[in-house]
């Protein structure tokens, strides 16, 4: 009987620790970004995928019927790699070996989750509208001038898994507004770039 009571007590504590996950947390991970919806004038090569990272804080709110809301405030790095460009006409834009450009944002996603509590872990799906504000940008590409939108917005779709106080998640994000407009060698070459890409994260909820 005593052994049974101990087993039941351990089981109850494990169950309570899984349920009691509302609270503040920290989050970090990697981004795998590219740019879409780019209008290209006379260019053979465009923007390649680039890896960035994100980190920040969150607050998880458990709701009835498996729902949860998790607002976050993240520093997030997005960007791309531009290969050497050769135009189809006789003109040539010399970029050497090309280069990278980066944009740094503060981003506020609100993750709306629905999951199934399986006692020791909780798988969930999520939809994540977000707002972002660009705090800086940088590039090592020769003769690149580019304008960017400070304010951005978009949406993400993904899934995750709560295990004790840890949360692993993956999400695909789409910017719904234009992110950048590029000029190479004084010529408007790229227009209407939008960031999109996969985000892989690990969080710890206190």
Protein backbone atom coordinates (compact mmCIF):
# COMPACT_ATOMS: atom_id res chain seq x y z
CA UNK A 1 0.00 0.00 0.00
CA UNK A 2 2.85 2.38 0.88
CA UNK A 3 4.57 1.69 -2.44
CA UNK A 4 1.30 2.30 -4.29
CA UNK A 5 0.87 5.63 -2.45
CA UNK A 6 4.41 6.67 -3.43
CA UNK A 7 3.83 5.75 -7.08
CA UNK A 8 0.52 7.66 -7.13
CA UNK A 9 2.18 10.69 -5.50
CA UNK A 10 4.98 10.74 -8.08
CA UNK A 11 2.44 10.37 -10.89
CA UNK A 12 0.35 13.23 -9.45
CA UNK A 13 3.38 15.52 -9.12
CA UNK A 14 4.40 14.79 -12.71
CA UNK A 15 0.89 15.55 -13.90
CA UNK A 16 0.74 18.82 -11.97
CA UNK A 17 4.14 19.90 -13.25
CA UNK A 18 2.99 19.38 -16.84
CA UNK A 19 -0.26 21.30 -16.31
CA UNK A 20 1.38 24.17 -14.42
CA UNK A 21 3.17 25.67 -17.40
CA UNK A 22 1.57 29.11 -17.48
CA UNK A 23 4.33 31.63 -16.85
CA UNK A 24 7.32 33.51 -18.22
CA UNK A 25 9.99 31.85 -20.29
CA UNK A 26 13.03 32.36 -22.51
CA UNK A 27 13.33 31.25 -26.12
CA UNK A 28 16.07 30.94 -28.76
CA UNK A 29 16.60 29.23 -32.09
CA UNK A 30 17.53 29.42 -35.77
CA UNK A 31 15.85 30.97 -38.82
CA UNK A 32 16.23 29.76 -42.39
CA UNK A 33 15.08 32.77 -44.43
CA UNK A 34 14.69 33.60 -48.10
CA UNK A 35 12.98 36.38 -50.05
CA UNK A 36 9.91 35.95 -52.22
CA UNK A 37 7.70 38.08 -54.50
CA UNK A 38 10.71 39.81 -56.03
CA UNK A 39 10.33 41.58 -59.37
CA UNK A 40 13.59 41.14 -61.23
CA UNK A 41 14.64 43.46 -64.04
CA UNK A 42 17.06 41.78 -66.45
CA UNK A 43 18.76 39.66 -63.78
CA UNK A 44 19.72 35.99 -64.08
CA UNK A 45 20.39 35.27 -60.41
CA UNK A 46 18.51 36.42 -57.37
CA UNK A 47 18.60 36.03 -53.58
CA UNK A 48 19.62 32.77 -51.90
CA UNK A 49 18.55 31.43 -48.52
CA UNK A 50 20.45 32.57 -45.42
CA UNK A 51 20.56 31.27 -41.85
CA UNK A 52 19.91 33.67 -38.96
CA UNK A 53 18.90 33.38 -35.33
CA UNK A 54 16.36 34.66 -32.80
CA UNK A 55 16.17 35.03 -29.02
CA UNK A 56 13.81 36.60 -26.52
CA UNK A 57 11.18 36.22 -23.82
CA UNK A 58 7.64 34.83 -23.72
CA UNK A 59 4.61 34.45 -21.50
CA UNK A 60 2.50 31.29 -21.84
CA UNK A 61 -1.16 31.35 -20.82
CA UNK A 62 -3.01 28.03 -20.53
CA UNK A 63 -6.71 28.11 -21.46
CA UNK A 64 -9.51 25.50 -21.26
CA UNK A 65 -10.16 22.87 -23.95
CA UNK A 66 -6.52 22.52 -24.94
CA UNK A 67 -6.03 26.13 -26.06
CA UNK A 68 -3.20 28.44 -25.10
CA UNK A 69 -1.92 31.90 -25.95
CA UNK A 70 1.81 32.66 -25.98
CA UNK A 71 2.89 36.24 -26.78
CA UNK A 72 6.63 36.70 -27.33
CA UNK A 73 9.12 39.52 -27.78
CA UNK A 74 12.03 38.40 -29.93
CA UNK A 75 15.18 39.82 -31.45
CA UNK A 76 15.32 38.21 -34.90
CA UNK A 77 17.85 38.35 -37.72
CA UNK A 78 16.75 37.97 -41.35
CA UNK A 79 18.56 38.40 -44.65
CA UNK A 80 19.96 36.72 -47.71
CA UNK A 81 22.94 36.07 -49.95
CA UNK A 82 23.24 37.68 -53.38
CA UNK A 83 25.33 35.75 -55.91
CA UNK A 84 27.39 37.49 -58.58
CA UNK A 85 24.99 39.13 -61.03
CA UNK A 86 25.28 39.12 -64.82
CA UNK A 87 22.50 40.86 -66.76
CA UNK A 88 21.02 39.45 -69.94
CA UNK A 89 21.92 42.64 -71.80
CA UNK A 90 25.45 43.82 -72.49
CA UNK A 91 25.57 45.64 -69.16
CA UNK A 92 27.39 43.92 -66.32
CA UNK A 93 27.00 44.69 -62.63
CA UNK A 94 30.24 43.77 -60.88
CA UNK A 95 29.53 42.35 -57.42
CA UNK A 96 32.76 40.42 -57.12
CA UNK A 97 31.73 37.21 -55.37
CA UNK A 98 28.44 38.70 -54.23
CA UNK A 99 27.79 39.05 -50.54
CA UNK A 100 25.34 39.07 -47.67
CA UNK A 101 22.77 41.49 -46.35
CA UNK A 102 21.10 41.35 -42.94
CA UNK A 103 18.11 43.00 -41.29
CA UNK A 104 17.65 43.05 -37.52
CA UNK A 105 14.16 43.20 -36.03
CA UNK A 106 12.23 43.29 -32.79
CA UNK A 107 9.29 40.97 -33.47
CA UNK A 108 6.09 40.44 -31.49
CA UNK A 109 4.37 37.15 -32.41
CA UNK A 110 1.25 35.97 -30.61
CA UNK A 111 1.12 32.17 -30.80
CA UNK A 112 -2.42 30.81 -30.57
CA UNK A 113 -2.06 27.12 -29.70
CA UNK A 114 -4.32 24.11 -29.54
CA UNK A 115 -3.02 20.81 -28.20
CA UNK A 116 -3.79 17.52 -26.50
CA UNK A 117 -2.52 16.95 -22.95
CA UNK A 118 -1.00 13.44 -22.81
CA UNK A 119 0.11 13.81 -19.16
CA UNK A 120 3.88 13.66 -19.69
CA UNK A 121 3.90 15.79 -22.85
CA UNK A 122 1.60 17.98 -24.95
CA UNK A 123 1.78 18.19 -28.75
CA UNK A 124 0.14 21.27 -30.23
CA UNK A 125 -0.59 23.18 -33.43
CA UNK A 126 -0.31 26.96 -33.63
CA UNK A 127 -1.10 29.98 -35.76
CA UNK A 128 1.02 33.08 -35.09
CA UNK A 129 0.20 36.57 -36.36
CA UNK A 130 3.13 38.93 -35.76
CA UNK A 131 4.29 42.55 -35.93
CA UNK A 132 7.95 43.53 -36.41
CA UNK A 133 10.08 46.67 -36.23
CA UNK A 134 13.45 46.94 -37.95
CA UNK A 135 16.19 48.29 -35.66
CA UNK A 136 19.17 48.06 -38.04
CA UNK A 137 20.47 46.68 -41.35
CA UNK A 138 23.89 45.87 -42.84
CA UNK A 139 25.45 44.64 -46.08
CA UNK A 140 28.89 43.83 -47.51
CA UNK A 141 27.73 43.90 -51.16
CA UNK A 142 29.53 46.41 -53.39
CA UNK A 143 27.37 49.21 -54.86
CA UNK A 144 24.23 48.02 -53.07
CA UNK A 145 21.78 50.67 -51.92
CA UNK A 146 18.55 49.47 -50.42
CA UNK A 147 15.46 50.84 -48.77
CA UNK A 148 13.58 48.85 -46.15
CA UNK A 149 10.25 49.15 -44.40
CA UNK A 150 10.65 49.77 -40.67
CA UNK A 151 7.29 48.24 -39.76
CA UNK A 152 6.29 44.75 -40.88
CA UNK A 153 3.57 42.21 -40.29
CA UNK A 154 2.84 38.61 -41.19
CA UNK A 155 1.68 35.22 -40.03
CA UNK A 156 3.20 31.88 -39.09
CA UNK A 157 1.92 28.31 -39.00
CA UNK A 158 3.55 25.53 -37.07
CA UNK A 159 3.56 22.85 -34.39
CA UNK A 160 5.35 22.09 -31.16
CA UNK A 161 5.75 19.87 -28.13
CA UNK A 162 5.68 20.75 -24.42
CA UNK A 163 7.78 18.40 -22.28
CA UNK A 164 7.86 19.35 -18.59
CA UNK A 165 9.10 22.98 -18.65
CA UNK A 166 10.64 22.74 -22.12
CA UNK A 167 8.98 23.60 -25.41
CA UNK A 168 10.26 22.61 -28.84
CA UNK A 169 8.57 24.19 -31.86
CA UNK A 170 8.86 24.65 -35.59
CA UNK A 171 7.06 27.31 -37.59
CA UNK A 172 6.95 28.70 -41.13
CA UNK A 173 6.61 32.51 -41.26
CA UNK A 174 5.35 34.70 -44.12
CA UNK A 175 5.80 38.48 -44.26
CA UNK A 176 2.61 39.94 -45.72
CA UNK A 177 4.11 43.39 -46.32
CA UNK A 178 7.05 44.43 -48.52
CA UNK A 179 10.36 44.21 -46.66
CA UNK A 180 12.94 45.72 -49.03
CA UNK A 181 13.64 47.47 -52.29
CA UNK A 182 17.16 47.19 -53.76
CA UNK A 183 19.29 49.28 -56.09
CA UNK A 184 22.48 47.95 -57.65
CA UNK A 185 24.96 50.34 -59.25
CA UNK A 186 22.33 53.10 -59.18
CA UNK A 187 19.73 51.01 -61.02
CA UNK A 188 16.51 49.80 -59.41
CA UNK A 189 16.94 46.07 -59.85
CA UNK A 190 14.88 44.27 -57.21
CA UNK A 191 11.45 45.41 -56.04
CA UNK A 192 8.99 44.13 -53.47
CA UNK A 193 11.04 41.58 -51.53
CA UNK A 194 9.22 39.76 -48.70
CA UNK A 195 10.88 37.64 -46.04
CA UNK A 196 9.70 34.09 -45.45
CA UNK A 197 11.22 30.99 -43.94
CA UNK A 198 11.31 28.26 -41.31
CA UNK A 199 11.96 28.93 -37.62
CA UNK A 200 13.16 26.22 -35.21
CA UNK A 201 13.02 27.09 -31.48
CA UNK A 202 13.67 25.80 -27.99
CA UNK A 203 12.05 27.50 -24.96
CA UNK A 204 12.20 27.05 -21.21
CA UNK A 205 9.16 28.12 -19.16
CA UNK A 206 9.80 28.96 -15.51
